[in-house]
């Protein structure tokens, strides 16, 4: 049970980091 929560937290952290990287990539690609 604790292991499942730890994996879920890591999965969420990876998802947030991926979303942030994607947002940075999009904003930088829209720059002239």
N, C-alpha and C. Protein backbone atom coordinates (compact mmCIF):
# COMPACT_ATOMS: atom_id res chain seq x y z
N UNK A 1 0.85 -1.21 0.00
CA UNK A 1 0.00 0.00 0.00
C UNK A 1 0.89 1.25 0.00
N UNK A 2 1.89 1.27 0.90
CA UNK A 2 2.79 2.42 0.92
C UNK A 2 3.57 2.51 -0.39
N UNK A 3 3.95 1.35 -0.91
CA UNK A 3 4.70 1.35 -2.18
C UNK A 3 3.83 1.92 -3.30
N UNK A 4 2.54 1.58 -3.29
CA UNK A 4 1.63 2.08 -4.33
C UNK A 4 1.54 3.61 -4.25
N UNK A 5 1.44 4.13 -3.03
CA UNK A 5 1.35 5.59 -2.87
C UNK A 5 2.64 6.25 -3.35
N UNK A 6 3.78 5.60 -3.04
CA UNK A 6 5.06 6.18 -3.47
C UNK A 6 5.15 6.20 -4.99
N UNK A 7 4.73 5.11 -5.63
CA UNK A 7 4.76 5.08 -7.10
C UNK A 7 3.82 6.13 -7.68
N UNK A 8 2.64 6.28 -7.06
CA UNK A 8 1.67 7.27 -7.56
C UNK A 8 2.25 8.67 -7.45
N UNK A 9 2.92 8.95 -6.31
CA UNK A 9 3.49 10.29 -6.14
C UNK A 9 4.57 10.54 -7.19
N UNK A 10 5.40 9.51 -7.46
CA UNK A 10 6.47 9.69 -8.46
C UNK A 10 5.85 9.89 -9.84
N UNK A 11 4.78 9.14 -10.12
CA UNK A 11 4.11 9.25 -11.42
C UNK A 11 3.54 10.66 -11.60
N UNK A 12 2.93 11.20 -10.53
CA UNK A 12 2.36 12.56 -10.60
C UNK A 12 3.48 13.58 -10.79
N UNK A 13 4.59 13.39 -10.07
CA UNK A 13 5.71 14.34 -10.19
C UNK A 13 6.25 14.33 -11.61
N UNK A 14 6.38 13.13 -12.19
CA UNK A 14 6.88 13.03 -13.57
C UNK A 14 5.90 13.70 -14.53
N UNK A 15 4.60 13.51 -14.29
CA UNK A 15 3.59 14.12 -15.15
C UNK A 15 3.66 15.64 -15.08
N UNK A 16 3.84 16.18 -13.88
CA UNK A 16 3.91 17.63 -13.73
C UNK A 16 5.16 18.16 -14.42
N UNK A 17 6.28 17.47 -14.25
CA UNK A 17 7.53 17.92 -14.88
C UNK A 17 7.41 17.87 -16.40
N UNK A 18 6.77 16.81 -16.91
CA UNK A 18 6.59 16.69 -18.36
C UNK A 18 5.71 17.82 -18.88
N UNK A 19 4.63 18.13 -18.15
CA UNK A 19 3.72 19.20 -18.57
C UNK A 19 4.46 20.54 -18.57
N UNK A 20 5.31 20.76 -17.56
CA UNK A 20 6.04 22.02 -17.48
C UNK A 20 7.03 22.13 -18.65
N UNK A 21 7.74 21.04 -18.94
CA UNK A 21 8.69 21.05 -20.05
C UNK A 21 7.96 21.30 -21.36
N UNK A 22 6.80 20.67 -21.52
CA UNK A 22 6.03 20.84 -22.75
C UNK A 22 5.58 22.30 -22.89
N UNK A 23 5.16 22.90 -21.77
CA UNK A 23 4.70 24.29 -21.80
C UNK A 23 5.87 25.21 -22.18
N UNK A 24 7.05 24.94 -21.61
CA UNK A 24 8.22 25.76 -21.95
C UNK A 24 8.57 25.60 -23.42
N UNK A 25 8.48 24.38 -23.92
CA UNK A 25 8.81 24.12 -25.32
C UNK A 25 7.84 24.88 -26.23
N UNK A 26 6.55 24.83 -25.90
CA UNK A 26 5.54 25.51 -26.73
C UNK A 26 5.75 27.02 -26.70
N UNK A 27 5.99 27.59 -25.49
CA UNK A 27 6.16 29.04 -25.40
C UNK A 27 7.43 29.47 -26.14
N UNK A 28 8.48 28.67 -26.09
CA UNK A 28 9.72 29.05 -26.76
C UNK A 28 9.58 28.90 -28.27
N UNK A 29 8.76 27.94 -28.72
CA UNK A 29 8.59 27.74 -30.16
C UNK A 29 7.69 28.82 -30.75
N UNK A 30 6.86 29.46 -29.90
CA UNK A 30 5.97 30.51 -30.41
C UNK A 30 6.69 31.86 -30.44
N UNK A 31 7.89 31.92 -29.90
CA UNK A 31 8.63 33.19 -29.93
C UNK A 31 9.16 33.44 -31.35
N UNK A 32 9.22 34.66 -31.77
CA UNK A 32 9.72 34.98 -33.13
C UNK A 32 11.22 34.72 -33.28
